[in-house]
Amino acid sequence: MRNVLTVLMVVVGFALQGISYFVLADPWVTTGIPSGEPRLIAAPTLFIAGVVLVFLAAVLYELLPERRGR
């Protein structure tokens, strides 16, 4: 159970990082005028939440007990 939960948290965390960086924070300039503003203001916060989720997956893996009896 802890393996499935850990892998799920890591996948969701990396997906959140990738989506927030490449889709939400990357300014796609079509006007020719460079802009440093992200497309979504909260994109850096979502990226950091993805990083925290990946680190919490390691904590969860260590704190959940192993399944015994195998």
N, C-alpha and C. Protein backbone atom coordinates (compact mmCIF):
# COMPACT_ATOMS: atom_id res chain seq x y z
N MET A 1 0.82 -1.20 0.00
CA MET A 1 0.00 0.00 0.00
C MET A 1 0.86 1.26 0.00
N ARG A 2 1.94 1.22 0.81
CA ARG A 2 2.76 2.43 0.87
C ARG A 2 3.52 2.65 -0.43
N ASN A 3 3.84 1.57 -1.15
CA ASN A 3 4.52 1.73 -2.43
C ASN A 3 3.62 2.43 -3.46
N VAL A 4 2.37 1.99 -3.49
CA VAL A 4 1.42 2.58 -4.44
C VAL A 4 1.18 4.05 -4.11
N LEU A 5 1.00 4.34 -2.84
CA LEU A 5 0.75 5.72 -2.42
C LEU A 5 1.95 6.61 -2.69
N THR A 6 3.14 6.09 -2.45
CA THR A 6 4.35 6.87 -2.69
C THR A 6 4.54 7.15 -4.17
N VAL A 7 4.38 6.14 -5.00
CA VAL A 7 4.53 6.34 -6.44
C VAL A 7 3.48 7.30 -6.96
N LEU A 8 2.27 7.19 -6.48
CA LEU A 8 1.20 8.10 -6.89
C LEU A 8 1.52 9.54 -6.52
N MET A 9 2.03 9.74 -5.31
CA MET A 9 2.39 11.11 -4.89
C MET A 9 3.54 11.67 -5.72
N VAL A 10 4.52 10.83 -6.04
CA VAL A 10 5.65 11.29 -6.85
C VAL A 10 5.19 11.64 -8.26
N VAL A 11 4.36 10.82 -8.85
CA VAL A 11 3.87 11.08 -10.21
C VAL A 11 3.03 12.36 -10.24
N VAL A 12 2.14 12.52 -9.26
CA VAL A 12 1.31 13.73 -9.21
C VAL A 12 2.19 14.96 -8.96
N GLY A 13 3.19 14.83 -8.10
CA GLY A 13 4.09 15.96 -7.83
C GLY A 13 4.87 16.38 -9.06
N PHE A 14 5.45 15.40 -9.78
CA PHE A 14 6.19 15.73 -11.00
C PHE A 14 5.27 16.27 -12.10
N ALA A 15 4.06 15.74 -12.18
CA ALA A 15 3.11 16.26 -13.16
C ALA A 15 2.74 17.70 -12.84
N LEU A 16 2.52 17.99 -11.57
CA LEU A 16 2.20 19.36 -11.16
C LEU A 16 3.36 20.30 -11.46
N GLN A 17 4.58 19.85 -11.24
CA GLN A 17 5.74 20.66 -11.56
C GLN A 17 5.83 20.93 -13.07
N GLY A 18 5.68 19.89 -13.85
CA GLY A 18 5.79 20.04 -15.30
C GLY A 18 4.70 20.91 -15.88
N ILE A 19 3.49 20.70 -15.45
CA ILE A 19 2.38 21.50 -15.97
C ILE A 19 2.51 22.96 -15.54
N SER A 20 2.86 23.17 -14.28
CA SER A 20 2.96 24.56 -13.83
C SER A 20 4.13 25.29 -14.47
N TYR A 21 5.21 24.57 -14.78
CA TYR A 21 6.37 25.24 -15.39
C TYR A 21 6.18 25.45 -16.89
N PHE A 22 5.86 24.38 -17.61
CA PHE A 22 5.83 24.46 -19.06
C PHE A 22 4.54 25.03 -19.62
N VAL A 23 3.44 24.89 -18.91
CA VAL A 23 2.16 25.35 -19.44
C VAL A 23 1.70 26.65 -18.79
N LEU A 24 1.81 26.74 -17.46
CA LEU A 24 1.23 27.88 -16.76
C LEU A 24 2.21 29.03 -16.54
N ALA A 25 3.50 28.74 -16.37
CA ALA A 25 4.45 29.80 -16.05
C ALA A 25 5.21 30.30 -17.27
N ASP A 26 5.32 29.49 -18.29
CA ASP A 26 6.09 29.86 -19.47
C ASP A 26 5.31 30.89 -20.29
N PRO A 27 5.83 32.11 -20.38
CA PRO A 27 5.11 33.12 -21.16
C PRO A 27 5.27 32.84 -22.66
N TRP A 28 4.19 32.54 -23.30
CA TRP A 28 4.22 32.31 -24.74
C TRP A 28 4.00 33.64 -25.43
N VAL A 29 5.07 34.20 -25.93
CA VAL A 29 5.02 35.53 -26.52
C VAL A 29 4.66 35.40 -28.00
N THR A 30 3.53 35.95 -28.37
CA THR A 30 3.12 35.94 -29.77
C THR A 30 3.11 37.35 -30.35
N THR A 31 3.33 38.34 -29.50
CA THR A 31 3.27 39.72 -29.98
C THR A 31 4.64 40.24 -30.40
N GLY A 32 5.70 39.51 -30.08
CA GLY A 32 7.04 39.98 -30.42
C GLY A 32 7.67 40.81 -29.31
N ILE A 33 6.90 41.17 -28.30
CA ILE A 33 7.42 41.94 -27.17
C ILE A 33 7.68 40.95 -26.04
N PRO A 34 8.96 40.80 -25.62
CA PRO A 34 9.25 39.84 -24.56
C PRO A 34 8.62 40.24 -23.23
N SER A 35 8.13 39.25 -22.51
CA SER A 35 7.48 39.49 -21.23
C SER A 35 7.99 38.48 -20.22
N GLY A 36 8.24 38.91 -19.01
CA GLY A 36 8.69 38.02 -17.96
C GLY A 36 7.57 37.57 -17.04
N GLU A 37 6.37 37.97 -17.33
CA GLU A 37 5.23 37.62 -16.49
C GLU A 37 4.71 36.23 -16.83
N PRO A 38 4.43 35.40 -15.82
CA PRO A 38 3.86 34.08 -16.11
C PRO A 38 2.42 34.20 -16.59
N ARG A 39 1.96 33.18 -17.27
CA ARG A 39 0.59 33.19 -17.78
C ARG A 39 -0.43 33.10 -16.64
N LEU A 40 -0.06 32.42 -15.56
CA LEU A 40 -0.89 32.31 -14.37
C LEU A 40 -0.07 32.80 -13.18
N ILE A 41 -0.61 33.72 -12.43
CA ILE A 41 0.14 34.34 -11.34
C ILE A 41 0.56 33.31 -10.28
N ALA A 42 -0.26 32.30 -10.03
CA ALA A 42 0.02 31.31 -8.99
C ALA A 42 0.88 30.15 -9.49
N ALA A 43 1.42 30.21 -10.70
CA ALA A 43 2.20 29.11 -11.25
C ALA A 43 3.44 28.78 -10.42
N PRO A 44 4.20 29.76 -9.92
CA PRO A 44 5.34 29.40 -9.07
C PRO A 44 4.92 28.70 -7.77
N THR A 45 3.79 29.08 -7.23
CA THR A 45 3.28 28.44 -6.02
C THR A 45 2.91 26.99 -6.30
N LEU A 46 2.30 26.74 -7.46
CA LEU A 46 1.95 25.37 -7.82
C LEU A 46 3.20 24.52 -8.05
N PHE A 47 4.24 25.12 -8.62
CA PHE A 47 5.49 24.41 -8.83
C PHE A 47 6.11 24.00 -7.49
N ILE A 48 6.13 24.93 -6.56
CA ILE A 48 6.67 24.64 -5.22
C ILE A 48 5.82 23.58 -4.52
N ALA A 49 4.51 23.62 -4.71
CA ALA A 49 3.64 22.60 -4.13
C ALA A 49 3.97 21.22 -4.70
N GLY A 50 4.32 21.15 -5.97
CA GLY A 50 4.74 19.88 -6.57
C GLY A 50 6.03 19.37 -5.97
N VAL A 51 6.98 20.26 -5.73
CA VAL A 51 8.25 19.87 -5.11
C VAL A 51 8.00 19.35 -3.70
N VAL A 52 7.17 20.06 -2.94
CA VAL A 52 6.85 19.65 -1.57
C VAL A 52 6.15 18.29 -1.58
N LEU A 53 5.27 18.07 -2.55
CA LEU A 53 4.56 16.80 -2.63
C LEU A 53 5.52 15.64 -2.87
N VAL A 54 6.53 15.85 -3.71
CA VAL A 54 7.52 14.79 -3.96
C VAL A 54 8.32 14.50 -2.69
N PHE A 55 8.72 15.53 -1.96
CA PHE A 55 9.45 15.31 -0.71
C PHE A 55 8.56 14.67 0.35
N LEU A 56 7.29 15.03 0.38
CA LEU A 56 6.38 14.40 1.34
C LEU A 56 6.14 12.93 1.03
N ALA A 57 6.30 12.56 -0.24
CA ALA A 57 6.16 11.15 -0.60
C ALA A 57 7.24 10.32 0.09
N ALA A 58 8.45 10.86 0.16
CA ALA A 58 9.52 10.14 0.86
C ALA A 58 9.23 10.03 2.35
N VAL A 59 8.70 11.09 2.93
CA VAL A 59 8.35 11.07 4.35
C VAL A 59 7.23 10.06 4.60
N LEU A 60 6.24 10.06 3.74
CA LEU A 60 5.13 9.12 3.88
C LEU A 60 5.62 7.68 3.76
N TYR A 61 6.54 7.43 2.84
CA TYR A 61 7.08 6.09 2.67
C TYR A 61 7.78 5.60 3.93
N GLU A 62 8.48 6.49 4.58
CA GLU A 62 9.20 6.11 5.79
C GLU A 62 8.28 5.97 7.00
N LEU A 63 7.20 6.72 7.05
CA LEU A 63 6.33 6.70 8.22
C LEU A 63 5.27 5.60 8.19
N LEU A 64 4.81 5.21 7.00
CA LEU A 64 3.81 4.16 6.93
C LEU A 64 4.46 2.81 7.22
N PRO A 65 3.78 1.97 7.97
CA PRO A 65 4.36 0.66 8.28
C PRO A 65 4.34 -0.28 7.06
N GLU A 66 5.28 -1.21 7.05
CA GLU A 66 5.31 -2.22 5.99
C GLU A 66 4.22 -3.23 6.21
N ARG A 67 3.78 -3.84 5.13
CA ARG A 67 2.80 -4.91 5.26
C ARG A 67 3.54 -6.17 5.69
N ARG A 68 3.09 -6.77 6.75
CA ARG A 68 3.76 -7.96 7.27
C ARG A 68 3.03 -9.22 6.83
N GLY A 69 3.72 -10.34 6.91
CA GLY A 69 3.08 -11.60 6.61
C GLY A 69 3.31 -12.08 5.20
N ARG A 70 4.22 -11.49 4.47
CA ARG A 70 4.49 -11.96 3.11
C ARG A 70 5.72 -12.79 3.09
